Amino acid sequence: MILNLKALGRGMLAAAVVTLISSLMVASVSAQPPTPPNRLFGNVTLDGSPAPAGTQITATVGGNVCGQTTAKSDSTYVLDVVSSGQTAGCGTEGASVSFTVGGSPAGSASWSSGKFTSLDLAGGPAPPTVVPTVAPPTVAPVTPTPVIVTGTGGYLDGGSGTAWWVYTAAGLALLLLGTAGAAGYRRLRP
């Protein structure tokens, strides 16, 4: 029996191509894109007035942040709430989505994959900011510290106690000079 090598080579090539195409098809089926988000849009108010541009809008599912945006200048918003396929713990069909506007509760909706949902959001007054009270610091009364002076209390020599005799000697000298001056004046006077 004679083998036709050309035919055998073509058959192997065809089998390899079929195998490659089959594996690519299986890979494309298993790599499905994630579930698309639920897009919400509408007007947004805060405490009964149109929300100012830049007001923070947050969507949560089960406490997980699943979308954030800010109010536009015309007090409208557009927000994509992602799926659990995009971010763990986020949207699944029928899950409850809670919204806050400027930090205050503003409504809720049911999550639906790929749906465009019109929903106006109305936030109330912002929750009060709790400021902890701080007791004023306790200030101990100032008690003067006694100063201990060593020496005998002189003024001219920094407290050594010898200044008293300088004043005494000067006083005595003035007294003697004054007495001598008065006596001399009497002698010279005719």
N, C-alpha and C. Protein backbone atom coordinates (compact mmCIF):
# COMPACT_ATOMS: atom_id res chain seq x y z
N MET A 1 0.83 -1.16 0.00
CA MET A 1 0.00 0.00 0.00
C MET A 1 0.89 1.23 0.00
N ILE A 2 0.53 2.11 -0.84
CA ILE A 2 1.31 3.32 -1.00
C ILE A 2 0.55 4.44 -0.31
N LEU A 3 1.28 5.15 0.54
CA LEU A 3 0.66 6.27 1.26
C LEU A 3 0.80 7.53 0.44
N ASN A 4 -0.27 8.24 0.40
CA ASN A 4 -0.24 9.52 -0.27
C ASN A 4 0.09 10.57 0.80
N LEU A 5 1.36 10.97 0.82
CA LEU A 5 1.81 11.92 1.85
C LEU A 5 1.16 13.28 1.70
N LYS A 6 0.88 13.68 0.50
CA LYS A 6 0.23 14.98 0.29
C LYS A 6 -1.15 14.99 0.92
N ALA A 7 -1.91 13.95 0.68
CA ALA A 7 -3.28 13.87 1.21
C ALA A 7 -3.25 13.79 2.72
N LEU A 8 -2.28 13.02 3.25
CA LEU A 8 -2.15 12.90 4.70
C LEU A 8 -1.83 14.26 5.33
N GLY A 9 -0.94 15.03 4.70
CA GLY A 9 -0.57 16.35 5.21
C GLY A 9 -1.74 17.31 5.20
N ARG A 10 -2.55 17.24 4.13
CA ARG A 10 -3.72 18.11 4.04
C ARG A 10 -4.75 17.75 5.10
N GLY A 11 -4.92 16.48 5.33
CA GLY A 11 -5.88 16.03 6.34
C GLY A 11 -5.48 16.46 7.75
N MET A 12 -4.20 16.39 8.05
CA MET A 12 -3.72 16.83 9.37
C MET A 12 -3.88 18.33 9.53
N LEU A 13 -3.61 19.04 8.44
CA LEU A 13 -3.76 20.50 8.48
C LEU A 13 -5.23 20.86 8.71
N ALA A 14 -6.14 20.19 8.04
CA ALA A 14 -7.57 20.46 8.20
C ALA A 14 -8.01 20.14 9.62
N ALA A 15 -7.52 19.04 10.19
CA ALA A 15 -7.88 18.68 11.57
C ALA A 15 -7.35 19.71 12.56
N ALA A 16 -6.17 20.22 12.32
CA ALA A 16 -5.59 21.25 13.20
C ALA A 16 -6.41 22.53 13.14
N VAL A 17 -6.86 22.92 11.94
CA VAL A 17 -7.66 24.13 11.77
C VAL A 17 -9.00 23.97 12.48
N VAL A 18 -9.65 22.81 12.33
CA VAL A 18 -10.93 22.55 12.98
C VAL A 18 -10.76 22.60 14.50
N THR A 19 -9.70 22.01 15.02
CA THR A 19 -9.45 22.03 16.46
C THR A 19 -9.24 23.47 16.96
N LEU A 20 -8.48 24.26 16.23
CA LEU A 20 -8.21 25.63 16.62
C LEU A 20 -9.50 26.46 16.63
N ILE A 21 -10.31 26.33 15.61
CA ILE A 21 -11.57 27.08 15.54
C ILE A 21 -12.50 26.65 16.68
N SER A 22 -12.56 25.36 16.97
CA SER A 22 -13.42 24.87 18.06
C SER A 22 -12.97 25.45 19.40
N SER A 23 -11.66 25.48 19.65
CA SER A 23 -11.18 26.00 20.93
C SER A 23 -11.44 27.50 21.06
N LEU A 24 -11.34 28.22 19.95
CA LEU A 24 -11.65 29.66 19.99
C LEU A 24 -13.12 29.90 20.28
N MET A 25 -14.00 29.07 19.73
CA MET A 25 -15.44 29.23 19.97
C MET A 25 -15.77 28.95 21.43
N VAL A 26 -15.15 27.91 22.00
CA VAL A 26 -15.40 27.58 23.40
C VAL A 26 -14.90 28.71 24.29
N ALA A 27 -13.73 29.28 23.97
CA ALA A 27 -13.17 30.37 24.78
C ALA A 27 -14.06 31.60 24.72
N SER A 28 -14.63 31.88 23.54
CA SER A 28 -15.47 33.07 23.43
C SER A 28 -16.79 32.89 24.17
N VAL A 29 -17.31 31.66 24.24
CA VAL A 29 -18.55 31.42 24.96
C VAL A 29 -18.31 31.55 26.46
N SER A 30 -17.16 31.06 26.95
CA SER A 30 -16.90 31.11 28.39
C SER A 30 -16.51 32.49 28.87
N ALA A 31 -16.04 33.38 28.02
CA ALA A 31 -15.62 34.72 28.41
C ALA A 31 -16.72 35.71 28.08
N GLN A 32 -17.85 35.61 28.75
CA GLN A 32 -18.98 36.50 28.53
C GLN A 32 -18.66 37.88 29.13
N PRO A 33 -19.10 38.93 28.48
CA PRO A 33 -18.89 40.27 29.05
C PRO A 33 -19.72 40.41 30.33
N PRO A 34 -19.28 41.28 31.25
CA PRO A 34 -20.05 41.46 32.47
C PRO A 34 -21.43 42.06 32.18
N THR A 35 -22.34 41.85 33.09
CA THR A 35 -23.68 42.39 32.96
C THR A 35 -23.60 43.91 32.92
N PRO A 36 -24.30 44.55 31.97
CA PRO A 36 -24.22 46.01 31.88
C PRO A 36 -24.88 46.68 33.09
N PRO A 37 -24.49 47.91 33.36
CA PRO A 37 -25.05 48.64 34.50
C PRO A 37 -26.50 49.07 34.24
N ASN A 38 -27.13 49.54 35.30
CA ASN A 38 -28.46 50.15 35.22
C ASN A 38 -28.21 51.66 35.23
N ARG A 39 -28.61 52.34 34.15
CA ARG A 39 -28.39 53.79 34.07
C ARG A 39 -29.63 54.51 34.55
N LEU A 40 -29.43 55.40 35.53
CA LEU A 40 -30.53 56.20 36.07
C LEU A 40 -30.29 57.66 35.74
N PHE A 41 -31.36 58.42 35.58
CA PHE A 41 -31.25 59.83 35.24
C PHE A 41 -32.50 60.56 35.73
N GLY A 42 -32.38 61.87 35.91
CA GLY A 42 -33.55 62.65 36.30
C GLY A 42 -33.15 63.96 36.95
N ASN A 43 -34.14 64.58 37.60
CA ASN A 43 -33.92 65.82 38.33
C ASN A 43 -33.48 65.50 39.74
N VAL A 44 -32.76 66.45 40.35
CA VAL A 44 -32.29 66.23 41.71
C VAL A 44 -32.50 67.50 42.53
N THR A 45 -33.15 67.32 43.70
CA THR A 45 -33.38 68.45 44.61
C THR A 45 -32.73 68.14 45.95
N LEU A 46 -32.47 69.19 46.67
CA LEU A 46 -31.88 69.07 48.00
C LEU A 46 -32.60 70.04 48.92
N ASP A 47 -33.26 69.52 49.93
CA ASP A 47 -34.01 70.32 50.90
C ASP A 47 -35.06 71.19 50.20
N GLY A 48 -35.74 70.61 49.17
CA GLY A 48 -36.83 71.29 48.50
C GLY A 48 -36.43 72.25 47.39
N SER A 49 -35.13 72.45 47.19
CA SER A 49 -34.65 73.37 46.14
C SER A 49 -33.81 72.59 45.14
N PRO A 50 -33.70 73.11 43.91
CA PRO A 50 -32.83 72.44 42.94
C PRO A 50 -31.42 72.28 43.52
N ALA A 51 -30.86 71.09 43.37
CA ALA A 51 -29.53 70.82 43.92
C ALA A 51 -28.49 71.64 43.17
N PRO A 52 -27.58 72.29 43.90
CA PRO A 52 -26.52 73.06 43.23
C PRO A 52 -25.58 72.14 42.45
N ALA A 53 -25.02 72.68 41.39
CA ALA A 53 -24.04 71.92 40.60
C ALA A 53 -22.93 71.43 41.51
N GLY A 54 -22.55 70.18 41.31
CA GLY A 54 -21.46 69.61 42.11
C GLY A 54 -21.91 68.87 43.35
N THR A 55 -23.23 68.88 43.64
CA THR A 55 -23.74 68.14 44.81
C THR A 55 -23.50 66.65 44.60
N GLN A 56 -22.91 65.99 45.57
CA GLN A 56 -22.57 64.57 45.48
C GLN A 56 -23.81 63.69 45.51
N ILE A 57 -23.89 62.73 44.56
CA ILE A 57 -24.98 61.75 44.49
C ILE A 57 -24.32 60.37 44.54
N THR A 58 -24.79 59.51 45.46
CA THR A 58 -24.19 58.19 45.65
C THR A 58 -25.27 57.13 45.61
N ALA A 59 -24.97 56.01 44.93
CA ALA A 59 -25.86 54.85 44.87
C ALA A 59 -25.19 53.70 45.60
N THR A 60 -25.94 53.04 46.51
CA THR A 60 -25.40 51.90 47.24
C THR A 60 -26.34 50.71 47.12
N VAL A 61 -25.74 49.53 47.12
CA VAL A 61 -26.49 48.27 47.14
C VAL A 61 -25.95 47.49 48.32
N GLY A 62 -26.80 47.25 49.31
CA GLY A 62 -26.36 46.50 50.48
C GLY A 62 -25.20 47.14 51.20
N GLY A 63 -25.12 48.45 51.21
CA GLY A 63 -24.04 49.16 51.89
C GLY A 63 -22.79 49.34 51.04
N ASN A 64 -22.75 48.75 49.83
CA ASN A 64 -21.60 48.90 48.93
C ASN A 64 -21.84 50.06 47.98
N VAL A 65 -20.86 50.95 47.82
CA VAL A 65 -20.98 52.05 46.87
C VAL A 65 -20.84 51.46 45.47
N CYS A 66 -21.90 51.63 44.67
CA CYS A 66 -21.94 51.03 43.33
C CYS A 66 -22.06 52.08 42.23
N GLY A 67 -22.06 53.35 42.58
CA GLY A 67 -22.10 54.42 41.59
C GLY A 67 -22.07 55.77 42.28
N GLN A 68 -21.35 56.72 41.66
CA GLN A 68 -21.29 58.08 42.19
C GLN A 68 -21.24 59.06 41.03
N THR A 69 -21.84 60.21 41.24
CA THR A 69 -21.79 61.30 40.27
C THR A 69 -22.07 62.59 41.02
N THR A 70 -22.16 63.69 40.30
CA THR A 70 -22.53 64.97 40.91
C THR A 70 -23.65 65.60 40.09
N ALA A 71 -24.41 66.47 40.74
CA ALA A 71 -25.51 67.18 40.05
C ALA A 71 -24.92 68.12 39.02
N LYS A 72 -25.61 68.22 37.87
CA LYS A 72 -25.18 69.13 36.81
C LYS A 72 -25.70 70.53 37.13
N SER A 73 -25.28 71.50 36.33
CA SER A 73 -25.69 72.89 36.57
C SER A 73 -27.19 73.10 36.45
N ASP A 74 -27.90 72.23 35.69
CA ASP A 74 -29.35 72.36 35.56
C ASP A 74 -30.10 71.46 36.55
N SER A 75 -29.39 71.03 37.63
CA SER A 75 -29.96 70.20 38.70
C SER A 75 -30.49 68.87 38.18
N THR A 76 -29.80 68.27 37.22
CA THR A 76 -30.10 66.93 36.74
C THR A 76 -28.89 66.04 37.01
N TYR A 77 -29.08 64.74 36.82
CA TYR A 77 -27.98 63.80 37.01
C TYR A 77 -28.12 62.64 36.05
N VAL A 78 -27.02 61.94 35.79
CA VAL A 78 -26.98 60.68 35.06
C VAL A 78 -26.00 59.82 35.86
N LEU A 79 -26.46 58.59 36.22
CA LEU A 79 -25.65 57.74 37.10
C LEU A 79 -25.75 56.29 36.66
N ASP A 80 -24.60 55.64 36.45
CA ASP A 80 -24.56 54.22 36.16
C ASP A 80 -24.34 53.47 37.46
N VAL A 81 -25.26 52.56 37.80
CA VAL A 81 -25.12 51.69 38.96
C VAL A 81 -24.59 50.36 38.42
N VAL A 82 -23.34 50.03 38.77
CA VAL A 82 -22.68 48.86 38.19
C VAL A 82 -23.26 47.56 38.72
N SER A 83 -23.00 46.49 37.95
CA SER A 83 -23.49 45.16 38.31
C SER A 83 -22.49 44.45 39.21
N SER A 84 -22.94 43.34 39.80
CA SER A 84 -22.05 42.54 40.64
C SER A 84 -20.95 41.91 39.79
N GLY A 85 -21.17 41.77 38.47
CA GLY A 85 -20.14 41.28 37.57
C GLY A 85 -19.03 42.30 37.35
N GLN A 86 -19.35 43.57 37.57
CA GLN A 86 -18.35 44.64 37.43
C GLN A 86 -17.68 44.94 38.76
N THR A 87 -18.46 44.98 39.84
CA THR A 87 -17.94 45.24 41.19
C THR A 87 -18.68 44.32 42.15
N ALA A 88 -17.92 43.53 42.89
CA ALA A 88 -18.53 42.57 43.82
C ALA A 88 -19.45 43.28 44.81
N GLY A 89 -20.63 42.69 45.05
CA GLY A 89 -21.58 43.24 46.01
C GLY A 89 -22.51 44.28 45.44
N CYS A 90 -22.41 44.56 44.13
CA CYS A 90 -23.27 45.59 43.54
C CYS A 90 -24.49 44.95 42.88
N GLY A 91 -25.03 45.60 41.85
CA GLY A 91 -26.32 45.26 41.27
C GLY A 91 -26.51 43.84 40.79
N THR A 92 -27.63 43.26 41.21
CA THR A 92 -28.15 41.99 40.69
C THR A 92 -29.62 42.24 40.39
N GLU A 93 -30.19 41.46 39.51
CA GLU A 93 -31.57 41.68 39.09
C GLU A 93 -32.51 41.81 40.30
N GLY A 94 -33.20 42.97 40.40
CA GLY A 94 -34.18 43.21 41.46
C GLY A 94 -33.60 43.72 42.77
N ALA A 95 -32.27 43.86 42.87
CA ALA A 95 -31.66 44.35 44.12
C ALA A 95 -32.09 45.78 44.39
N SER A 96 -32.23 46.12 45.68
CA SER A 96 -32.62 47.48 46.08
C SER A 96 -31.40 48.40 46.04
N VAL A 97 -31.54 49.52 45.33
CA VAL A 97 -30.48 50.53 45.23
C VAL A 97 -30.94 51.74 46.03
N SER A 98 -30.13 52.18 46.98
CA SER A 98 -30.44 53.37 47.79
C SER A 98 -29.59 54.54 47.31
N PHE A 99 -30.18 55.74 47.32
CA PHE A 99 -29.49 56.93 46.84
C PHE A 99 -29.38 57.95 47.96
N THR A 100 -28.26 58.70 47.95
CA THR A 100 -28.10 59.86 48.83
C THR A 100 -27.74 61.05 47.96
N VAL A 101 -28.23 62.22 48.37
CA VAL A 101 -27.91 63.47 47.69
C VAL A 101 -27.34 64.39 48.76
N GLY A 102 -26.11 64.80 48.56
CA GLY A 102 -25.47 65.66 49.55
C GLY A 102 -25.38 65.02 50.92
N GLY A 103 -25.33 63.69 50.97
CA GLY A 103 -25.20 62.97 52.24
C GLY A 103 -26.52 62.61 52.89
N SER A 104 -27.66 63.06 52.35
CA SER A 104 -28.94 62.72 52.96
C SER A 104 -29.70 61.73 52.08
N PRO A 105 -30.50 60.84 52.69
CA PRO A 105 -31.26 59.85 51.92
C PRO A 105 -32.14 60.54 50.87
N ALA A 106 -32.19 59.95 49.64
CA ALA A 106 -32.92 60.62 48.56
C ALA A 106 -33.80 59.68 47.74
N GLY A 107 -34.01 58.44 48.17
CA GLY A 107 -34.87 57.53 47.43
C GLY A 107 -34.21 56.20 47.15
N SER A 108 -34.97 55.33 46.46
CA SER A 108 -34.45 54.00 46.13
C SER A 108 -35.12 53.51 44.85
N ALA A 109 -34.54 52.46 44.27
CA ALA A 109 -35.07 51.85 43.05
C ALA A 109 -34.62 50.40 43.01
N SER A 110 -35.25 49.60 42.14
CA SER A 110 -34.85 48.21 41.91
C SER A 110 -33.87 48.19 40.76
N TRP A 111 -32.77 47.45 40.92
CA TRP A 111 -31.73 47.36 39.90
C TRP A 111 -32.18 46.45 38.76
N SER A 112 -31.91 46.87 37.52
CA SER A 112 -32.26 46.08 36.36
C SER A 112 -31.16 46.23 35.31
N SER A 113 -30.55 45.13 34.91
CA SER A 113 -29.41 45.12 34.00
C SER A 113 -29.72 45.79 32.66
N GLY A 114 -28.88 46.76 32.29
CA GLY A 114 -28.97 47.41 30.99
C GLY A 114 -30.14 48.34 30.81
N LYS A 115 -30.94 48.55 31.82
CA LYS A 115 -32.14 49.38 31.71
C LYS A 115 -31.79 50.86 31.91
N PHE A 116 -32.52 51.74 31.22
CA PHE A 116 -32.44 53.18 31.42
C PHE A 116 -33.64 53.57 32.27
N THR A 117 -33.40 54.07 33.48
CA THR A 117 -34.48 54.33 34.43
C THR A 117 -34.55 55.81 34.75
N SER A 118 -35.72 56.42 34.56
CA SER A 118 -35.94 57.81 34.94
C SER A 118 -36.36 57.83 36.41
N LEU A 119 -35.61 58.55 37.22
CA LEU A 119 -35.90 58.62 38.66
C LEU A 119 -35.45 59.98 39.18
N ASP A 120 -36.42 60.78 39.68
CA ASP A 120 -36.07 62.04 40.31
C ASP A 120 -35.65 61.75 41.75
N LEU A 121 -34.58 62.39 42.19
CA LEU A 121 -34.06 62.21 43.55
C LEU A 121 -34.31 63.46 44.37
N ALA A 122 -34.80 63.28 45.60
CA ALA A 122 -35.10 64.41 46.49
C ALA A 122 -34.42 64.17 47.83
N GLY A 123 -33.32 64.86 48.04
CA GLY A 123 -32.61 64.76 49.32
C GLY A 123 -33.15 65.77 50.30
N GLY A 124 -33.21 65.38 51.56
CA GLY A 124 -33.66 66.29 52.61
C GLY A 124 -32.51 67.13 53.10
N PRO A 125 -32.72 67.77 54.23
CA PRO A 125 -31.62 68.55 54.79
C PRO A 125 -30.48 67.61 55.15
N ALA A 126 -29.29 68.11 55.03
CA ALA A 126 -28.12 67.29 55.35
C ALA A 126 -28.18 66.86 56.81
N PRO A 127 -27.74 65.64 57.08
CA PRO A 127 -27.76 65.20 58.47
C PRO A 127 -26.90 66.11 59.32
N PRO A 128 -27.32 66.34 60.56
CA PRO A 128 -26.55 67.27 61.40
C PRO A 128 -25.15 66.72 61.66
N THR A 129 -24.23 67.63 61.68
CA THR A 129 -22.85 67.26 61.99
C THR A 129 -22.70 67.24 63.51
N VAL A 130 -22.30 66.12 64.01
CA VAL A 130 -22.12 65.99 65.45
C VAL A 130 -20.71 66.45 65.80
N VAL A 131 -20.66 67.51 66.57
CA VAL A 131 -19.37 68.03 67.00
C VAL A 131 -19.21 67.67 68.47
N PRO A 132 -18.21 66.87 68.77
CA PRO A 132 -18.04 66.49 70.18
C PRO A 132 -17.69 67.72 71.02
N THR A 133 -18.30 67.77 72.19
CA THR A 133 -17.98 68.86 73.08
C THR A 133 -16.69 68.55 73.80
N VAL A 134 -15.87 69.54 73.87
CA VAL A 134 -14.58 69.38 74.52
C VAL A 134 -14.57 70.30 75.73
N ALA A 135 -14.35 69.72 76.89
CA ALA A 135 -14.30 70.52 78.11
C ALA A 135 -13.08 71.43 78.05
N PRO A 136 -13.25 72.68 78.51
CA PRO A 136 -12.09 73.56 78.49
C PRO A 136 -11.01 72.99 79.40
N PRO A 137 -9.78 73.25 79.06
CA PRO A 137 -8.70 72.70 79.89
C PRO A 137 -8.75 73.29 81.29
N THR A 138 -8.46 72.47 82.25
CA THR A 138 -8.42 72.92 83.63
C THR A 138 -7.07 73.59 83.87
N VAL A 139 -7.15 74.83 84.34
CA VAL A 139 -5.93 75.58 84.60
C VAL A 139 -5.76 75.68 86.11
N ALA A 140 -4.65 75.19 86.59
CA ALA A 140 -4.37 75.25 88.02
C ALA A 140 -4.07 76.69 88.39
N PRO A 141 -4.54 77.14 89.56
CA PRO A 141 -4.24 78.51 89.96
C PRO A 141 -2.73 78.68 90.13
N VAL A 142 -2.30 79.86 89.75
CA VAL A 142 -0.87 80.16 89.84
C VAL A 142 -0.56 80.60 91.26
N THR A 143 0.29 79.86 91.89
CA THR A 143 0.73 80.20 93.25
C THR A 143 2.13 80.77 93.13
N PRO A 144 2.32 82.01 93.66
CA PRO A 144 3.66 82.59 93.54
C PRO A 144 4.68 81.71 94.29
N THR A 145 5.78 81.53 93.65
CA THR A 145 6.85 80.76 94.26
C THR A 145 7.70 81.72 95.09
N PRO A 146 7.89 81.40 96.37
CA PRO A 146 8.72 82.31 97.20
C PRO A 146 10.16 82.32 96.68
N VAL A 147 10.72 83.52 96.73
CA VAL A 147 12.11 83.68 96.29
C VAL A 147 12.96 83.79 97.55
N ILE A 148 13.93 82.96 97.63
CA ILE A 148 14.83 82.97 98.79
C ILE A 148 16.06 83.77 98.41
N VAL A 149 16.27 84.83 99.16
CA VAL A 149 17.41 85.71 98.91
C VAL A 149 18.48 85.38 99.93
N THR A 150 19.64 85.12 99.41
CA THR A 150 20.75 84.84 100.33
C THR A 150 21.54 86.11 100.56
N GLY A 151 22.24 86.20 101.62
CA GLY A 151 23.00 87.40 101.97
C GLY A 151 22.22 88.22 102.97
N THR A 152 22.66 89.44 103.18
CA THR A 152 22.02 90.28 104.19
C THR A 152 21.19 91.39 103.60
N GLY A 153 21.02 91.44 102.28
CA GLY A 153 20.07 92.37 101.69
C GLY A 153 20.62 93.68 101.24
N GLY A 154 21.87 93.82 100.87
CA GLY A 154 22.38 95.10 100.38
C GLY A 154 21.88 95.40 99.00
N TYR A 155 21.91 96.73 98.63
CA TYR A 155 21.40 97.14 97.33
C TYR A 155 22.50 97.34 96.30
N LEU A 156 23.66 97.77 96.69
CA LEU A 156 24.69 98.11 95.73
C LEU A 156 25.56 96.93 95.32
N ASP A 157 25.63 95.92 96.12
CA ASP A 157 26.53 94.82 95.80
C ASP A 157 25.80 93.51 95.52
N GLY A 158 24.54 93.60 95.09
CA GLY A 158 23.80 92.40 94.71
C GLY A 158 23.39 91.55 95.87
N GLY A 159 23.26 92.10 97.07
CA GLY A 159 22.72 91.35 98.19
C GLY A 159 23.76 90.79 99.14
N SER A 160 24.97 91.31 99.12
CA SER A 160 25.97 90.73 100.02
C SER A 160 25.85 91.25 101.45
N GLY A 161 25.11 92.34 101.68
CA GLY A 161 24.89 92.82 103.04
C GLY A 161 25.86 93.91 103.46
N THR A 162 26.75 94.35 102.58
CA THR A 162 27.73 95.37 102.97
C THR A 162 27.33 96.77 102.53
N ALA A 163 26.23 96.93 101.83
CA ALA A 163 25.83 98.26 101.36
C ALA A 163 25.33 99.15 102.48
N TRP A 164 24.84 98.62 103.55
CA TRP A 164 24.29 99.44 104.63
C TRP A 164 25.34 100.35 105.25
N TRP A 165 26.56 99.87 105.35
CA TRP A 165 27.59 100.71 105.97
C TRP A 165 28.03 101.84 105.07
N VAL A 166 27.86 101.67 103.71
CA VAL A 166 28.21 102.76 102.80
C VAL A 166 27.26 103.93 103.03
N TYR A 167 25.97 103.62 103.15
CA TYR A 167 25.01 104.70 103.43
C TYR A 167 25.24 105.33 104.80
N THR A 168 25.55 104.53 105.75
CA THR A 168 25.78 105.05 107.11
C THR A 168 27.02 105.95 107.12
N ALA A 169 28.07 105.50 106.46
CA ALA A 169 29.32 106.30 106.44
C ALA A 169 29.10 107.60 105.69
N ALA A 170 28.35 107.55 104.59
CA ALA A 170 28.10 108.77 103.83
C ALA A 170 27.28 109.76 104.65
N GLY A 171 26.29 109.24 105.37
CA GLY A 171 25.47 110.12 106.21
C GLY A 171 26.29 110.77 107.33
N LEU A 172 27.14 109.98 107.93
CA LEU A 172 28.00 110.52 108.99
C LEU A 172 28.97 111.55 108.44
N ALA A 173 29.50 111.29 107.25
CA ALA A 173 30.44 112.24 106.64
C ALA A 173 29.75 113.56 106.36
N LEU A 174 28.52 113.50 105.86
CA LEU A 174 27.78 114.74 105.61
C LEU A 174 27.49 115.49 106.90
N LEU A 175 27.17 114.72 107.92
CA LEU A 175 26.91 115.35 109.22
C LEU A 175 28.15 116.04 109.75
N LEU A 176 29.29 115.37 109.67
CA LEU A 176 30.54 115.96 110.15
C LEU A 176 30.94 117.15 109.32
N LEU A 177 30.79 117.04 108.01
CA LEU A 177 31.14 118.17 107.15
C LEU A 177 30.23 119.36 107.40
N GLY A 178 28.98 119.03 107.59
CA GLY A 178 28.05 120.13 107.87
C GLY A 178 28.37 120.81 109.20
N THR A 179 28.74 120.02 110.20
CA THR A 179 29.08 120.58 111.50
C THR A 179 30.38 121.35 111.40
N ALA A 180 31.34 120.79 110.69
CA ALA A 180 32.64 121.46 110.54
C ALA A 180 32.46 122.72 109.72
N GLY A 181 31.60 122.65 108.73
CA GLY A 181 31.38 123.83 107.91
C GLY A 181 30.72 124.94 108.71
N ALA A 182 29.78 124.58 109.55
CA ALA A 182 29.10 125.59 110.37
C ALA A 182 30.07 126.18 111.38
N ALA A 183 30.96 125.34 111.96
CA ALA A 183 31.93 125.84 112.93
C ALA A 183 32.93 126.74 112.24
N GLY A 184 33.35 126.37 111.06
CA GLY A 184 34.30 127.20 110.32
C GLY A 184 33.68 128.51 109.92
N TYR A 185 32.43 128.50 109.59
CA TYR A 185 31.73 129.71 109.22
C TYR A 185 31.67 130.66 110.41
N ARG A 186 31.50 130.15 111.61
CA ARG A 186 31.43 130.97 112.80
C ARG A 186 32.78 131.58 113.08
N ARG A 187 33.83 130.84 112.82
CA ARG A 187 35.16 131.37 113.10
C ARG A 187 35.50 132.49 112.13
N LEU A 188 35.12 132.35 110.94
CA LEU A 188 35.48 133.34 109.95
C LEU A 188 34.58 134.57 110.01
N ARG A 189 33.63 134.50 110.61
CA ARG A 189 32.69 135.60 110.66
C ARG A 189 33.14 136.61 111.72
N PRO A 190 33.29 137.79 111.44
CA PRO A 190 33.73 138.78 112.42
C PRO A 190 32.71 139.19 113.41
